[in-house]
Amino acid sequence: MVNYAPAMRGQAVRMVLDQAGGHATQREAIVPVAAKIGYMRETPRRWVWQAEQGRSQRPGLATDERVRLAAQDRENRGAQRHDRLSSAPR
């Protein structure tokens, strides 16, 4: 998986959102932006989707919430494993 610079992601999202008013659909706004930055159109589409989730404009969890829940899940699995190992018969 390629890591894109946060500044590039932010710039692409702003470009799409700025151009969205001049197009019938958001998809039509994404195509020229993707061509301009040299990425497949799916890449900026996901960035825009994530940005809208982060602003509560779309259903779903924001990235920081997703990271926090993943960390909490790891912690819970570790605690459950510890409980199983400590209560196992010897």
C-alpha atoms as a PDB file:
ATOM      1  CA  MET A   1       0.000   0.000   0.000  1.00  0.00           C
ATOM      2  CA  VAL A   2       1.330   3.404  -0.956  1.00  0.00           C
ATOM      3  CA  ASN A   3       1.465   6.163   1.640  1.00  0.00           C
ATOM      4  CA  TYR A   4       0.516   9.512   0.178  1.00  0.00           C
ATOM      5  CA  ALA A   5       1.620  12.753   1.758  1.00  0.00           C
ATOM      6  CA  PRO A   6      -1.136  14.268   3.910  1.00  0.00           C
ATOM      7  CA  ALA A   7      -0.648  17.589   2.119  1.00  0.00           C
ATOM      8  CA  MET A   8      -1.309  15.905  -1.251  1.00  0.00           C
ATOM      9  CA  ARG A   9      -4.412  14.215   0.105  1.00  0.00           C
ATOM     10  CA  GLY A  10      -5.735  17.471   1.535  1.00  0.00           C
ATOM     11  CA  GLN A  11      -5.036  19.364  -1.658  1.00  0.00           C
ATOM     12  CA  ALA A  12      -6.789  16.731  -3.788  1.00  0.00           C
ATOM     13  CA  VAL A  13      -9.837  16.742  -1.486  1.00  0.00           C
ATOM     14  CA  ARG A  14     -10.029  20.554  -1.630  1.00  0.00           C
ATOM     15  CA  MET A  15      -9.737  20.493  -5.409  1.00  0.00           C
ATOM     16  CA  VAL A  16     -12.586  17.985  -5.734  1.00  0.00           C
ATOM     17  CA  LEU A  17     -14.836  19.833  -3.299  1.00  0.00           C
ATOM     18  CA  ASP A  18     -14.091  23.178  -4.970  1.00  0.00           C
ATOM     19  CA  GLN A  19     -14.945  21.779  -8.398  1.00  0.00           C
ATOM     20  CA  ALA A  20     -17.983  19.776  -7.261  1.00  0.00           C
ATOM     21  CA  GLY A  21     -20.337  22.730  -7.739  1.00  0.00           C
ATOM     22  CA  GLY A  22     -19.489  22.968 -11.424  1.00  0.00           C
ATOM     23  CA  HIS A  23     -20.301  19.324 -12.123  1.00  0.00           C
ATOM     24  CA  ALA A  24     -23.503  17.322 -12.036  1.00  0.00           C
ATOM     25  CA  THR A  25     -21.984  14.704  -9.741  1.00  0.00           C
ATOM     26  CA  GLN A  26     -19.038  14.438  -7.415  1.00  0.00           C
ATOM     27  CA  ARG A  27     -17.675  11.658  -9.612  1.00  0.00           C
ATOM     28  CA  GLU A  28     -17.457  14.084 -12.536  1.00  0.00           C
ATOM     29  CA  ALA A  29     -15.438  16.434 -10.329  1.00  0.00           C
ATOM     30  CA  ILE A  30     -13.072  13.634  -9.264  1.00  0.00           C
ATOM     31  CA  VAL A  31     -12.071  12.502 -12.770  1.00  0.00           C
ATOM     32  CA  PRO A  32     -10.195  15.689 -13.842  1.00  0.00           C
ATOM     33  CA  VAL A  33      -8.589  16.055 -10.405  1.00  0.00           C
ATOM     34  CA  ALA A  34      -7.331  12.463 -10.518  1.00  0.00           C
ATOM     35  CA  ALA A  35      -5.923  13.031 -14.010  1.00  0.00           C
ATOM     36  CA  LYS A  36      -4.246  16.256 -12.902  1.00  0.00           C
ATOM     37  CA  ILE A  37      -2.491  14.678  -9.911  1.00  0.00           C
ATOM     38  CA  GLY A  38      -1.696  11.469 -11.792  1.00  0.00           C
ATOM     39  CA  TYR A  39      -3.671   8.954  -9.718  1.00  0.00           C
ATOM     40  CA  MET A  40      -6.457   6.555 -10.561  1.00  0.00           C
ATOM     41  CA  ARG A  41      -9.825   8.146  -9.790  1.00  0.00           C
ATOM     42  CA  GLU A  42     -10.524   5.694  -6.965  1.00  0.00           C
ATOM     43  CA  THR A  43      -7.726   7.176  -4.845  1.00  0.00           C
ATOM     44  CA  PRO A  44      -9.089  10.746  -4.542  1.00  0.00           C
ATOM     45  CA  ARG A  45     -12.642   9.345  -4.338  1.00  0.00           C
ATOM     46  CA  ARG A  46     -11.684   7.448  -1.160  1.00  0.00           C
ATOM     47  CA  TRP A  47      -9.937  10.516   0.232  1.00  0.00           C
ATOM     48  CA  VAL A  48     -13.044  12.639  -0.328  1.00  0.00           C
ATOM     49  CA  TRP A  49     -15.226   9.919   1.215  1.00  0.00           C
ATOM     50  CA  GLN A  50     -12.986   9.756   4.310  1.00  0.00           C
ATOM     51  CA  ALA A  51     -12.924  13.545   4.612  1.00  0.00           C
ATOM     52  CA  GLU A  52     -16.728  13.647   4.466  1.00  0.00           C
ATOM     53  CA  GLN A  53     -16.967  10.918   7.113  1.00  0.00           C
ATOM     54  CA  GLY A  54     -14.592  12.906   9.308  1.00  0.00           C
ATOM     55  CA  ARG A  55     -16.854  15.945   8.964  1.00  0.00           C
ATOM     56  CA  SER A  56     -19.957  13.801   9.681  1.00  0.00           C
ATOM     57  CA  GLN A  57     -21.245  14.473   6.176  1.00  0.00           C
ATOM     58  CA  ARG A  58     -21.355  10.738   5.418  1.00  0.00           C
ATOM     59  CA  PRO A  59     -22.249   7.746   7.556  1.00  0.00           C
ATOM     60  CA  GLY A  60     -19.370   5.826   9.049  1.00  0.00           C
ATOM     61  CA  LEU A  61     -16.545   6.357  11.469  1.00  0.00           C
ATOM     62  CA  ALA A  62     -13.965   9.072  11.118  1.00  0.00           C
ATOM     63  CA  THR A  63     -10.385   7.880  10.771  1.00  0.00           C
ATOM     64  CA  ASP A  64      -9.401   8.853  14.316  1.00  0.00           C
ATOM     65  CA  GLU A  65     -12.428   6.997  15.710  1.00  0.00           C
ATOM     66  CA  ARG A  66     -11.528   3.936  13.649  1.00  0.00           C
ATOM     67  CA  VAL A  67      -7.937   4.018  14.982  1.00  0.00           C
ATOM     68  CA  ARG A  68      -9.159   4.417  18.573  1.00  0.00           C
ATOM     69  CA  LEU A  69     -11.579   1.476  18.236  1.00  0.00           C
ATOM     70  CA  ALA A  70      -8.885  -0.736  16.708  1.00  0.00           C
ATOM     71  CA  ALA A  71      -6.564   0.013  19.632  1.00  0.00           C
ATOM     72  CA  GLN A  72      -9.364  -0.709  22.086  1.00  0.00           C
ATOM     73  CA  ASP A  73     -10.105  -4.024  20.340  1.00  0.00           C
ATOM     74  CA  ARG A  74      -6.437  -5.048  20.553  1.00  0.00           C
ATOM     75  CA  GLU A  75      -6.395  -4.185  24.237  1.00  0.00           C
ATOM     76  CA  ASN A  76      -9.568  -6.197  24.868  1.00  0.00           C
ATOM     77  CA  ARG A  77      -8.222  -9.228  22.999  1.00  0.00           C
ATOM     78  CA  GLY A  78      -5.038  -9.066  25.062  1.00  0.00           C
ATOM     79  CA  ALA A  79      -7.023  -8.910  28.303  1.00  0.00           C
ATOM     80  CA  GLN A  80      -9.226 -11.827  27.215  1.00  0.00           C
ATOM     81  CA  ARG A  81      -6.167 -13.879  26.299  1.00  0.00           C
ATOM     82  CA  HIS A  82      -4.579 -13.095  29.653  1.00  0.00           C
ATOM     83  CA  ASP A  83      -7.776 -14.171  31.440  1.00  0.00           C
ATOM     84  CA  ARG A  84      -7.930 -17.447  29.500  1.00  0.00           C
ATOM     85  CA  LEU A  85      -4.284 -18.243  30.194  1.00  0.00           C
ATOM     86  CA  SER A  86      -4.466 -17.356  33.896  1.00  0.00           C
ATOM     87  CA  SER A  87      -7.640 -19.395  34.478  1.00  0.00           C
ATOM     88  CA  ALA A  88      -6.564 -22.468  32.483  1.00  0.00           C
ATOM     89  CA  PRO A  89      -5.988 -25.621  34.525  1.00  0.00           C
ATOM     90  CA  ARG A  90      -2.354 -26.528  35.017  1.00  0.00           C
END
